[in-house]
């Protein structure tokens, strides 16, 4: 079963920092998000994402430390991180 590490702000929806999902080999990221949405309604928007870029603007899914798209497939021993998108950086002032 893939292990999911859930980071804020999504941790508030799930109620824990780590969980496992019983998913068959070859499940896609979208199908994983649909399974999460069935348990936690806050994931419904992510499961309905119309593109990887839309998803990544809301939620970054890393599978084994690599960013994954909606059609990426999962395996039982995968480590999945659900991360917020990070934007910005140091502001340059002259």
PDB file of N, CA and C in Angstrom:
ATOM      1  N   UNK A   1       0.845  -1.182   0.000  1.00  0.00           N
ATOM      2  CA  UNK A   1       0.000   0.000   0.000  1.00  0.00           C
ATOM      3  C   UNK A   1       0.886   1.240   0.000  1.00  0.00           C
ATOM      4  N   UNK A   2       0.605   2.178  -0.890  1.00  0.00           N
ATOM      5  CA  UNK A   2       1.382   3.415  -0.867  1.00  0.00           C
ATOM      6  C   UNK A   2       1.190   4.157   0.450  1.00  0.00           C
ATOM      7  N   UNK A   3       2.291   4.728   0.939  1.00  0.00           N
ATOM      8  CA  UNK A   3       2.255   5.581   2.129  1.00  0.00           C
ATOM      9  C   UNK A   3       2.197   7.026   1.688  1.00  0.00           C
ATOM     10  N   UNK A   4       1.311   7.785   2.289  1.00  0.00           N
ATOM     11  CA  UNK A   4       1.161   9.199   1.973  1.00  0.00           C
ATOM     12  C   UNK A   4       1.590  10.028   3.168  1.00  0.00           C
ATOM     13  N   UNK A   5       2.470  10.991   2.910  1.00  0.00           N
ATOM     14  CA  UNK A   5       2.798  12.014   3.900  1.00  0.00           C
ATOM     15  C   UNK A   5       1.998  13.250   3.511  1.00  0.00           C
ATOM     16  N   UNK A   6       1.245  13.757   4.452  1.00  0.00           N
ATOM     17  CA  UNK A   6       0.343  14.873   4.186  1.00  0.00           C
ATOM     18  C   UNK A   6       0.860  16.100   4.932  1.00  0.00           C
ATOM     19  N   UNK A   7       1.125  17.153   4.187  1.00  0.00           N
ATOM     20  CA  UNK A   7       1.675  18.384   4.749  1.00  0.00           C
ATOM     21  C   UNK A   7       0.587  19.436   4.858  1.00  0.00           C
ATOM     22  N   UNK A   8       0.778  20.417   5.775  1.00  0.00           N
ATOM     23  CA  UNK A   8      -0.169  21.524   5.859  1.00  0.00           C
ATOM     24  C   UNK A   8      -0.221  22.251   4.510  1.00  0.00           C
ATOM     25  N   UNK A   9      -1.363  22.742   4.138  1.00  0.00           N
ATOM     26  CA  UNK A   9      -2.617  22.843   4.870  1.00  0.00           C
ATOM     27  C   UNK A   9      -3.522  21.614   4.742  1.00  0.00           C
ATOM     28  N   UNK A  10      -3.135  20.617   3.931  1.00  0.00           N
ATOM     29  CA  UNK A  10      -3.990  19.446   3.688  1.00  0.00           C
ATOM     30  C   UNK A  10      -4.112  18.548   4.908  1.00  0.00           C
ATOM     31  N   UNK A  11      -3.140  18.620   5.802  1.00  0.00           N
ATOM     32  CA  UNK A  11      -3.165  17.803   7.015  1.00  0.00           C
ATOM     33  C   UNK A  11      -4.409  18.088   7.847  1.00  0.00           C
ATOM     34  N   UNK A  12      -4.880  19.328   7.828  1.00  0.00           N
ATOM     35  CA  UNK A  12      -6.082  19.676   8.596  1.00  0.00           C
ATOM     36  C   UNK A  12      -7.296  18.892   8.094  1.00  0.00           C
ATOM     37  N   UNK A  13      -7.385  18.653   6.794  1.00  0.00           N
ATOM     38  CA  UNK A  13      -8.504  17.894   6.225  1.00  0.00           C
ATOM     39  C   UNK A  13      -8.439  16.421   6.596  1.00  0.00           C
ATOM     40  N   UNK A  14      -7.216  15.885   6.592  1.00  0.00           N
ATOM     41  CA  UNK A  14      -7.010  14.458   6.826  1.00  0.00           C
ATOM     42  C   UNK A  14      -6.960  14.128   8.312  1.00  0.00           C
ATOM     43  N   UNK A  15      -6.462  15.069   9.108  1.00  0.00           N
ATOM     44  CA  UNK A  15      -6.400  14.863  10.547  1.00  0.00           C
ATOM     45  C   UNK A  15      -5.171  14.107  11.018  1.00  0.00           C
ATOM     46  N   UNK A  16      -4.235  13.847  10.104  1.00  0.00           N
ATOM     47  CA  UNK A  16      -3.004  13.164  10.481  1.00  0.00           C
ATOM     48  C   UNK A  16      -1.929  13.473   9.445  1.00  0.00           C
ATOM     49  N   UNK A  17      -0.696  13.215   9.793  1.00  0.00           N
ATOM     50  CA  UNK A  17       0.402  13.547   8.892  1.00  0.00           C
ATOM     51  C   UNK A  17       0.768  12.406   7.948  1.00  0.00           C
ATOM     52  N   UNK A  18       0.323  11.200   8.253  1.00  0.00           N
ATOM     53  CA  UNK A  18       0.633  10.063   7.391  1.00  0.00           C
ATOM     54  C   UNK A  18      -0.562   9.129   7.331  1.00  0.00           C
ATOM     55  N   UNK A  19      -0.801   8.562   6.149  1.00  0.00           N
ATOM     56  CA  UNK A  19      -1.865   7.582   6.012  1.00  0.00           C
ATOM     57  C   UNK A  19      -1.504   6.619   4.893  1.00  0.00           C
ATOM     58  N   UNK A  20      -2.198   5.518   4.846  1.00  0.00           N
ATOM     59  CA  UNK A  20      -2.017   4.551   3.762  1.00  0.00           C
ATOM     60  C   UNK A  20      -3.348   4.373   3.056  1.00  0.00           C
ATOM     61  N   UNK A  21      -3.265   4.097   1.768  1.00  0.00           N
ATOM     62  CA  UNK A  21      -4.452   3.817   0.975  1.00  0.00           C
ATOM     63  C   UNK A  21      -4.271   2.459   0.330  1.00  0.00           C
ATOM     64  N   UNK A  22      -5.322   1.682   0.331  1.00  0.00           N
ATOM     65  CA  UNK A  22      -5.289   0.370  -0.308  1.00  0.00           C
ATOM     66  C   UNK A  22      -5.626   0.573  -1.783  1.00  0.00           C
ATOM     67  N   UNK A  23      -4.577   0.708  -2.602  1.00  0.00           N
ATOM     68  CA  UNK A  23      -4.737   0.963  -4.025  1.00  0.00           C
ATOM     69  C   UNK A  23      -4.055  -0.145  -4.815  1.00  0.00           C
ATOM     70  N   UNK A  24      -4.675  -0.609  -5.884  1.00  0.00           N
ATOM     71  CA  UNK A  24      -4.030  -1.645  -6.694  1.00  0.00           C
ATOM     72  C   UNK A  24      -2.855  -1.063  -7.473  1.00  0.00           C
ATOM     73  N   UNK A  25      -1.849  -1.905  -7.806  1.00  0.00           N
ATOM     74  CA  UNK A  25      -0.738  -1.432  -8.643  1.00  0.00           C
ATOM     75  C   UNK A  25      -1.271  -0.844  -9.944  1.00  0.00           C
ATOM     76  N   UNK A  26      -0.652   0.228 -10.385  1.00  0.00           N
ATOM     77  CA  UNK A  26      -1.077   0.872 -11.622  1.00  0.00           C
ATOM     78  C   UNK A  26      -2.136   1.937 -11.443  1.00  0.00           C
ATOM     79  N   UNK A  27      -2.577   2.148 -10.208  1.00  0.00           N
ATOM     80  CA  UNK A  27      -3.518   3.233  -9.938  1.00  0.00           C
ATOM     81  C   UNK A  27      -2.853   4.547 -10.331  1.00  0.00           C
ATOM     82  N   UNK A  28      -3.608   5.439 -10.948  1.00  0.00           N
ATOM     83  CA  UNK A  28      -3.051   6.739 -11.319  1.00  0.00           C
ATOM     84  C   UNK A  28      -3.165   7.715 -10.163  1.00  0.00           C
ATOM     85  N   UNK A  29      -2.425   8.800 -10.272  1.00  0.00           N
ATOM     86  CA  UNK A  29      -2.524   9.867  -9.259  1.00  0.00           C
ATOM     87  C   UNK A  29      -3.956  10.378  -9.201  1.00  0.00           C
ATOM     88  N   UNK A  30      -4.595  10.545 -10.363  1.00  0.00           N
ATOM     89  CA  UNK A  30      -5.992  11.015 -10.346  1.00  0.00           C
ATOM     90  C   UNK A  30      -6.874  10.044  -9.568  1.00  0.00           C
ATOM     91  N   UNK A  31      -6.717   8.740  -9.800  1.00  0.00           N
ATOM     92  CA  UNK A  31      -7.524   7.753  -9.079  1.00  0.00           C
ATOM     93  C   UNK A  31      -7.227   7.785  -7.585  1.00  0.00           C
ATOM     94  N   UNK A  32      -5.967   8.023  -7.215  1.00  0.00           N
ATOM     95  CA  UNK A  32      -5.626   8.166  -5.804  1.00  0.00           C
ATOM     96  C   UNK A  32      -6.339   9.382  -5.213  1.00  0.00           C
ATOM     97  N   UNK A  33      -6.351  10.491  -5.964  1.00  0.00           N
ATOM     98  CA  UNK A  33      -7.036  11.688  -5.489  1.00  0.00           C
ATOM     99  C   UNK A  33      -8.537  11.460  -5.378  1.00  0.00           C
ATOM    100  N   UNK A  34      -9.097  10.677  -6.292  1.00  0.00           N
ATOM    101  CA  UNK A  34     -10.523  10.333  -6.196  1.00  0.00           C
ATOM    102  C   UNK A  34     -10.793   9.507  -4.944  1.00  0.00           C
ATOM    103  N   UNK A  35      -9.884   8.584  -4.618  1.00  0.00           N
ATOM    104  CA  UNK A  35     -10.039   7.792  -3.390  1.00  0.00           C
ATOM    105  C   UNK A  35      -9.942   8.684  -2.161  1.00  0.00           C
ATOM    106  N   UNK A  36      -9.030   9.630  -2.194  1.00  0.00           N
ATOM    107  CA  UNK A  36      -8.928  10.585  -1.079  1.00  0.00           C
ATOM    108  C   UNK A  36     -10.188  11.436  -0.982  1.00  0.00           C
ATOM    109  N   UNK A  37     -10.708  11.875  -2.132  1.00  0.00           N
ATOM    110  CA  UNK A  37     -11.914  12.713  -2.140  1.00  0.00           C
ATOM    111  C   UNK A  37     -13.115  11.969  -1.579  1.00  0.00           C
ATOM    112  N   UNK A  38     -13.155  10.650  -1.769  1.00  0.00           N
ATOM    113  CA  UNK A  38     -14.265   9.858  -1.220  1.00  0.00           C
ATOM    114  C   UNK A  38     -14.229   9.859   0.302  1.00  0.00           C
ATOM    115  N   UNK A  39     -13.044  10.023   0.870  1.00  0.00           N
ATOM    116  CA  UNK A  39     -12.890  10.049   2.332  1.00  0.00           C
ATOM    117  C   UNK A  39     -12.835  11.462   2.899  1.00  0.00           C
ATOM    118  N   UNK A  40     -12.251  12.380   2.128  1.00  0.00           N
ATOM    119  CA  UNK A  40     -12.024  13.757   2.590  1.00  0.00           C
ATOM    120  C   UNK A  40     -12.471  14.700   1.477  1.00  0.00           C
ATOM    121  N   UNK A  41     -13.592  15.359   1.662  1.00  0.00           N
ATOM    122  CA  UNK A  41     -14.196  16.169   0.603  1.00  0.00           C
ATOM    123  C   UNK A  41     -13.290  17.296   0.107  1.00  0.00           C
ATOM    124  N   UNK A  42     -12.338  17.738   0.907  1.00  0.00           N
ATOM    125  CA  UNK A  42     -11.449  18.817   0.470  1.00  0.00           C
ATOM    126  C   UNK A  42     -10.592  18.416  -0.740  1.00  0.00           C
ATOM    127  N   UNK A  43     -10.500  17.139  -1.040  1.00  0.00           N
ATOM    128  CA  UNK A  43      -9.695  16.682  -2.165  1.00  0.00           C
ATOM    129  C   UNK A  43     -10.496  16.569  -3.468  1.00  0.00           C
ATOM    130  N   UNK A  44     -11.802  16.859  -3.418  1.00  0.00           N
ATOM    131  CA  UNK A  44     -12.633  16.737  -4.616  1.00  0.00           C
ATOM    132  C   UNK A  44     -12.137  17.622  -5.752  1.00  0.00           C
ATOM    133  N   UNK A  45     -11.783  18.855  -5.470  1.00  0.00           N
ATOM    134  CA  UNK A  45     -11.300  19.766  -6.512  1.00  0.00           C
ATOM    135  C   UNK A  45     -10.029  19.226  -7.172  1.00  0.00           C
ATOM    136  N   UNK A  46      -9.149  18.644  -6.390  1.00  0.00           N
ATOM    137  CA  UNK A  46      -7.907  18.096  -6.937  1.00  0.00           C
ATOM    138  C   UNK A  46      -8.198  16.891  -7.829  1.00  0.00           C
ATOM    139  N   UNK A  47      -9.140  16.056  -7.438  1.00  0.00           N
ATOM    140  CA  UNK A  47      -9.502  14.873  -8.226  1.00  0.00           C
ATOM    141  C   UNK A  47     -10.123  15.267  -9.562  1.00  0.00           C
ATOM    142  N   UNK A  48     -10.752  16.432  -9.615  1.00  0.00           N
ATOM    143  CA  UNK A  48     -11.387  16.912 -10.854  1.00  0.00           C
ATOM    144  C   UNK A  48     -10.481  17.821 -11.680  1.00  0.00           C
ATOM    145  N   UNK A  49      -9.231  17.972 -11.301  1.00  0.00           N
ATOM    146  CA  UNK A  49      -8.311  18.873 -12.009  1.00  0.00           C
ATOM    147  C   UNK A  49      -8.308  18.565 -13.499  1.00  0.00           C
ATOM    148  N   UNK A  50      -8.380  19.600 -14.327  1.00  0.00           N
ATOM    149  CA  UNK A  50      -8.440  19.389 -15.778  1.00  0.00           C
ATOM    150  C   UNK A  50      -7.066  19.250 -16.410  1.00  0.00           C
ATOM    151  N   UNK A  51      -6.007  19.538 -15.658  1.00  0.00           N
ATOM    152  CA  UNK A  51      -4.655  19.380 -16.199  1.00  0.00           C
ATOM    153  C   UNK A  51      -3.651  19.277 -15.046  1.00  0.00           C
ATOM    154  N   UNK A  52      -2.471  18.792 -15.379  1.00  0.00           N
ATOM    155  CA  UNK A  52      -1.408  18.740 -14.370  1.00  0.00           C
ATOM    156  C   UNK A  52      -1.097  20.130 -13.850  1.00  0.00           C
ATOM    157  N   UNK A  53      -1.030  21.102 -14.750  1.00  0.00           N
ATOM    158  CA  UNK A  53      -0.684  22.469 -14.352  1.00  0.00           C
ATOM    159  C   UNK A  53      -1.705  23.037 -13.377  1.00  0.00           C
ATOM    160  N   UNK A  54      -3.000  22.751 -13.627  1.00  0.00           N
ATOM    161  CA  UNK A  54      -4.029  23.210 -12.685  1.00  0.00           C
ATOM    162  C   UNK A  54      -3.818  22.562 -11.325  1.00  0.00           C
ATOM    163  N   UNK A  55      -3.582  21.252 -11.338  1.00  0.00           N
ATOM    164  CA  UNK A  55      -3.358  20.547 -10.079  1.00  0.00           C
ATOM    165  C   UNK A  55      -2.164  21.143  -9.338  1.00  0.00           C
ATOM    166  N   UNK A  56      -1.040  21.318 -10.059  1.00  0.00           N
ATOM    167  CA  UNK A  56       0.183  21.794  -9.420  1.00  0.00           C
ATOM    168  C   UNK A  56       0.035  23.207  -8.865  1.00  0.00           C
ATOM    169  N   UNK A  57      -0.926  23.970  -9.355  1.00  0.00           N
ATOM    170  CA  UNK A  57      -1.197  25.285  -8.781  1.00  0.00           C
ATOM    171  C   UNK A  57      -1.904  25.194  -7.439  1.00  0.00           C
ATOM    172  N   UNK A  58      -2.452  24.003  -7.128  1.00  0.00           N
ATOM    173  CA  UNK A  58      -3.215  23.787  -5.903  1.00  0.00           C
ATOM    174  C   UNK A  58      -2.550  22.796  -4.954  1.00  0.00           C
ATOM    175  N   UNK A  59      -1.925  21.780  -5.538  1.00  0.00           N
ATOM    176  CA  UNK A  59      -1.378  20.657  -4.773  1.00  0.00           C
ATOM    177  C   UNK A  59      -0.248  20.036  -5.574  1.00  0.00           C
ATOM    178  N   UNK A  60       0.890  19.859  -4.950  1.00  0.00           N
ATOM    179  CA  UNK A  60       2.015  19.177  -5.587  1.00  0.00           C
ATOM    180  C   UNK A  60       2.045  17.748  -5.053  1.00  0.00           C
ATOM    181  N   UNK A  61       2.024  16.790  -5.960  1.00  0.00           N
ATOM    182  CA  UNK A  61       2.103  15.382  -5.593  1.00  0.00           C
ATOM    183  C   UNK A  61       3.498  14.889  -5.978  1.00  0.00           C
ATOM    184  N   UNK A  62       4.260  14.474  -4.988  1.00  0.00           N
ATOM    185  CA  UNK A  62       5.567  13.864  -5.235  1.00  0.00           C
ATOM    186  C   UNK A  62       5.425  12.358  -5.025  1.00  0.00           C
ATOM    187  N   UNK A  63       5.965  11.598  -5.943  1.00  0.00           N
ATOM    188  CA  UNK A  63       6.010  10.144  -5.812  1.00  0.00           C
ATOM    189  C   UNK A  63       7.491   9.769  -5.810  1.00  0.00           C
ATOM    190  N   UNK A  64       7.938   9.222  -4.700  1.00  0.00           N
ATOM    191  CA  UNK A  64       9.351   8.861  -4.544  1.00  0.00           C
ATOM    192  C   UNK A  64      10.260  10.053  -4.860  1.00  0.00           C
ATOM    193  N   UNK A  65       9.885  11.215  -4.345  1.00  0.00           N
ATOM    194  CA  UNK A  65      10.651  12.465  -4.448  1.00  0.00           C
ATOM    195  C   UNK A  65      10.655  13.102  -5.831  1.00  0.00           C
ATOM    196  N   UNK A  66       9.799  12.662  -6.743  1.00  0.00           N
ATOM    197  CA  UNK A  66       9.664  13.279  -8.058  1.00  0.00           C
ATOM    198  C   UNK A  66       8.241  13.773  -8.235  1.00  0.00           C
ATOM    199  N   UNK A  67       8.087  14.941  -8.838  1.00  0.00           N
ATOM    200  CA  UNK A  67       6.751  15.475  -9.071  1.00  0.00           C
ATOM    201  C   UNK A  67       5.995  14.537 -10.016  1.00  0.00           C
ATOM    202  N   UNK A  68       4.721  14.336  -9.718  1.00  0.00           N
ATOM    203  CA  UNK A  68       3.902  13.402 -10.491  1.00  0.00           C
ATOM    204  C   UNK A  68       2.700  14.130 -11.073  1.00  0.00           C
ATOM    205  N   UNK A  69       2.290  13.698 -12.254  1.00  0.00           N
ATOM    206  CA  UNK A  69       1.103  14.238 -12.905  1.00  0.00           C
ATOM    207  C   UNK A  69      -0.102  13.356 -12.651  1.00  0.00           C
ATOM    208  N   UNK A  70      -1.226  13.790 -13.137  1.00  0.00           N
ATOM    209  CA  UNK A  70      -2.488  13.087 -12.919  1.00  0.00           C
ATOM    210  C   UNK A  70      -2.482  11.675 -13.477  1.00  0.00           C
ATOM    211  N   UNK A  71      -1.751  11.439 -14.561  1.00  0.00           N
ATOM    212  CA  UNK A  71      -1.731  10.120 -15.183  1.00  0.00           C
ATOM    213  C   UNK A  71      -0.551   9.270 -14.742  1.00  0.00           C
ATOM    214  N   UNK A  72       0.260   9.772 -13.820  1.00  0.00           N
ATOM    215  CA  UNK A  72       1.379   8.973 -13.299  1.00  0.00           C
ATOM    216  C   UNK A  72       0.809   7.775 -12.553  1.00  0.00           C
ATOM    217  N   UNK A  73       1.449   6.620 -12.717  1.00  0.00           N
ATOM    218  CA  UNK A  73       0.967   5.411 -12.055  1.00  0.00           C
ATOM    219  C   UNK A  73       1.719   5.167 -10.755  1.00  0.00           C
ATOM    220  N   UNK A  74       1.027   4.539  -9.837  1.00  0.00           N
ATOM    221  CA  UNK A  74       1.557   4.276  -8.498  1.00  0.00           C
ATOM    222  C   UNK A  74       1.771   2.786  -8.299  1.00  0.00           C
ATOM    223  N   UNK A  75       2.725   2.468  -7.455  1.00  0.00           N
ATOM    224  CA  UNK A  75       3.025   1.091  -7.089  1.00  0.00           C
ATOM    225  C   UNK A  75       2.886   0.945  -5.571  1.00  0.00           C
ATOM    226  N   UNK A  76       2.690  -0.263  -5.076  1.00  0.00           N
ATOM    227  CA  UNK A  76       2.431  -0.466  -3.652  1.00  0.00           C
ATOM    228  C   UNK A  76       3.515   0.063  -2.714  1.00  0.00           C
ATOM    229  N   UNK A  77       4.751   0.110  -3.151  1.00  0.00           N
ATOM    230  CA  UNK A  77       5.821   0.551  -2.252  1.00  0.00           C
ATOM    231  C   UNK A  77       6.171   2.025  -2.422  1.00  0.00           C
ATOM    232  N   UNK A  78       5.373   2.782  -3.162  1.00  0.00           N
ATOM    233  CA  UNK A  78       5.661   4.194  -3.386  1.00  0.00           C
ATOM    234  C   UNK A  78       5.481   5.014  -2.112  1.00  0.00           C
ATOM    235  N   UNK A  79       6.289   6.047  -2.012  1.00  0.00           N
ATOM    236  CA  UNK A  79       6.158   7.058  -0.961  1.00  0.00           C
ATOM    237  C   UNK A  79       5.630   8.314  -1.640  1.00  0.00           C
ATOM    238  N   UNK A  80       4.479   8.774  -1.188  1.00  0.00           N
ATOM    239  CA  UNK A  80       3.794   9.898  -1.812  1.00  0.00           C
ATOM    240  C   UNK A  80       3.739  11.052  -0.820  1.00  0.00           C
ATOM    241  N   UNK A  81       4.124  12.222  -1.296  1.00  0.00           N
ATOM    242  CA  UNK A  81       4.038  13.444  -0.495  1.00  0.00           C
ATOM    243  C   UNK A  81       3.001  14.358  -1.118  1.00  0.00           C
ATOM    244  N   UNK A  82       2.091  14.867  -0.295  1.00  0.00           N
ATOM    245  CA  UNK A  82       1.096  15.845  -0.725  1.00  0.00           C
ATOM    246  C   UNK A  82       1.528  17.189  -0.153  1.00  0.00           C
ATOM    247  N   UNK A  83       2.011  18.049  -1.047  1.00  0.00           N
ATOM    248  CA  UNK A  83       2.651  19.299  -0.651  1.00  0.00           C
ATOM    249  C   UNK A  83       1.915  20.508  -1.217  1.00  0.00           C
ATOM    250  N   UNK A  84       1.971  21.624  -0.517  1.00  0.00           N
ATOM    251  CA  UNK A  84       1.404  22.850  -1.090  1.00  0.00           C
ATOM    252  C   UNK A  84       2.355  23.403  -2.142  1.00  0.00           C
ATOM    253  N   UNK A  85       1.814  24.093  -3.145  1.00  0.00           N
ATOM    254  CA  UNK A  85       2.704  24.747  -4.103  1.00  0.00           C
ATOM    255  C   UNK A  85       3.471  25.852  -3.390  1.00  0.00           C
ATOM    256  N   UNK A  86       4.717  25.986  -3.745  1.00  0.00           N
ATOM    257  CA  UNK A  86       5.568  27.007  -3.135  1.00  0.00           C
ATOM    258  C   UNK A  86       5.834  28.056  -4.210  1.00  0.00           C
ATOM    259  N   UNK A  87       5.612  29.293  -3.858  1.00  0.00           N
ATOM    260  CA  UNK A  87       5.856  30.375  -4.807  1.00  0.00           C
ATOM    261  C   UNK A  87       6.635  31.474  -4.109  1.00  0.00           C
ATOM    262  N   UNK A  88       7.213  32.295  -4.925  1.00  0.00           N
ATOM    263  CA  UNK A  88       7.894  33.467  -4.378  1.00  0.00           C
ATOM    264  C   UNK A  88       9.359  33.236  -4.186  1.00  0.00           C
ATOM    265  N   UNK A  89       9.927  34.029  -3.368  1.00  0.00           N
ATOM    266  CA  UNK A  89      11.351  34.002  -3.105  1.00  0.00           C
ATOM    267  C   UNK A  89      11.734  35.311  -2.456  1.00  0.00           C
ATOM    268  N   UNK A  90      12.974  35.551  -2.377  1.00  0.00           N
ATOM    269  CA  UNK A  90      13.433  36.798  -1.755  1.00  0.00           C
ATOM    270  C   UNK A  90      13.114  37.972  -2.673  1.00  0.00           C
ATOM    271  N   UNK A  91      12.615  39.021  -2.075  1.00  0.00           N
ATOM    272  CA  UNK A  91      12.322  40.227  -2.834  1.00  0.00           C
ATOM    273  C   UNK A  91      13.618  41.023  -2.944  1.00  0.00           C
ATOM    274  N   UNK A  92      13.910  41.438  -4.156  1.00  0.00           N
ATOM    275  CA  UNK A  92      15.128  42.211  -4.386  1.00  0.00           C
ATOM    276  C   UNK A  92      14.801  43.693  -4.284  1.00  0.00           C
ATOM    277  N   UNK A  93      15.495  44.370  -3.438  1.00  0.00           N
ATOM    278  CA  UNK A  93      15.319  45.821  -3.332  1.00  0.00           C
ATOM    279  C   UNK A  93      16.650  46.483  -3.615  1.00  0.00           C
ATOM    280  N   UNK A  94      16.590  47.556  -4.351  1.00  0.00           N
ATOM    281  CA  UNK A  94      17.835  48.249  -4.713  1.00  0.00           C
ATOM    282  C   UNK A  94      18.115  49.384  -3.779  1.00  0.00           C
TER     283      UNK A  94
END
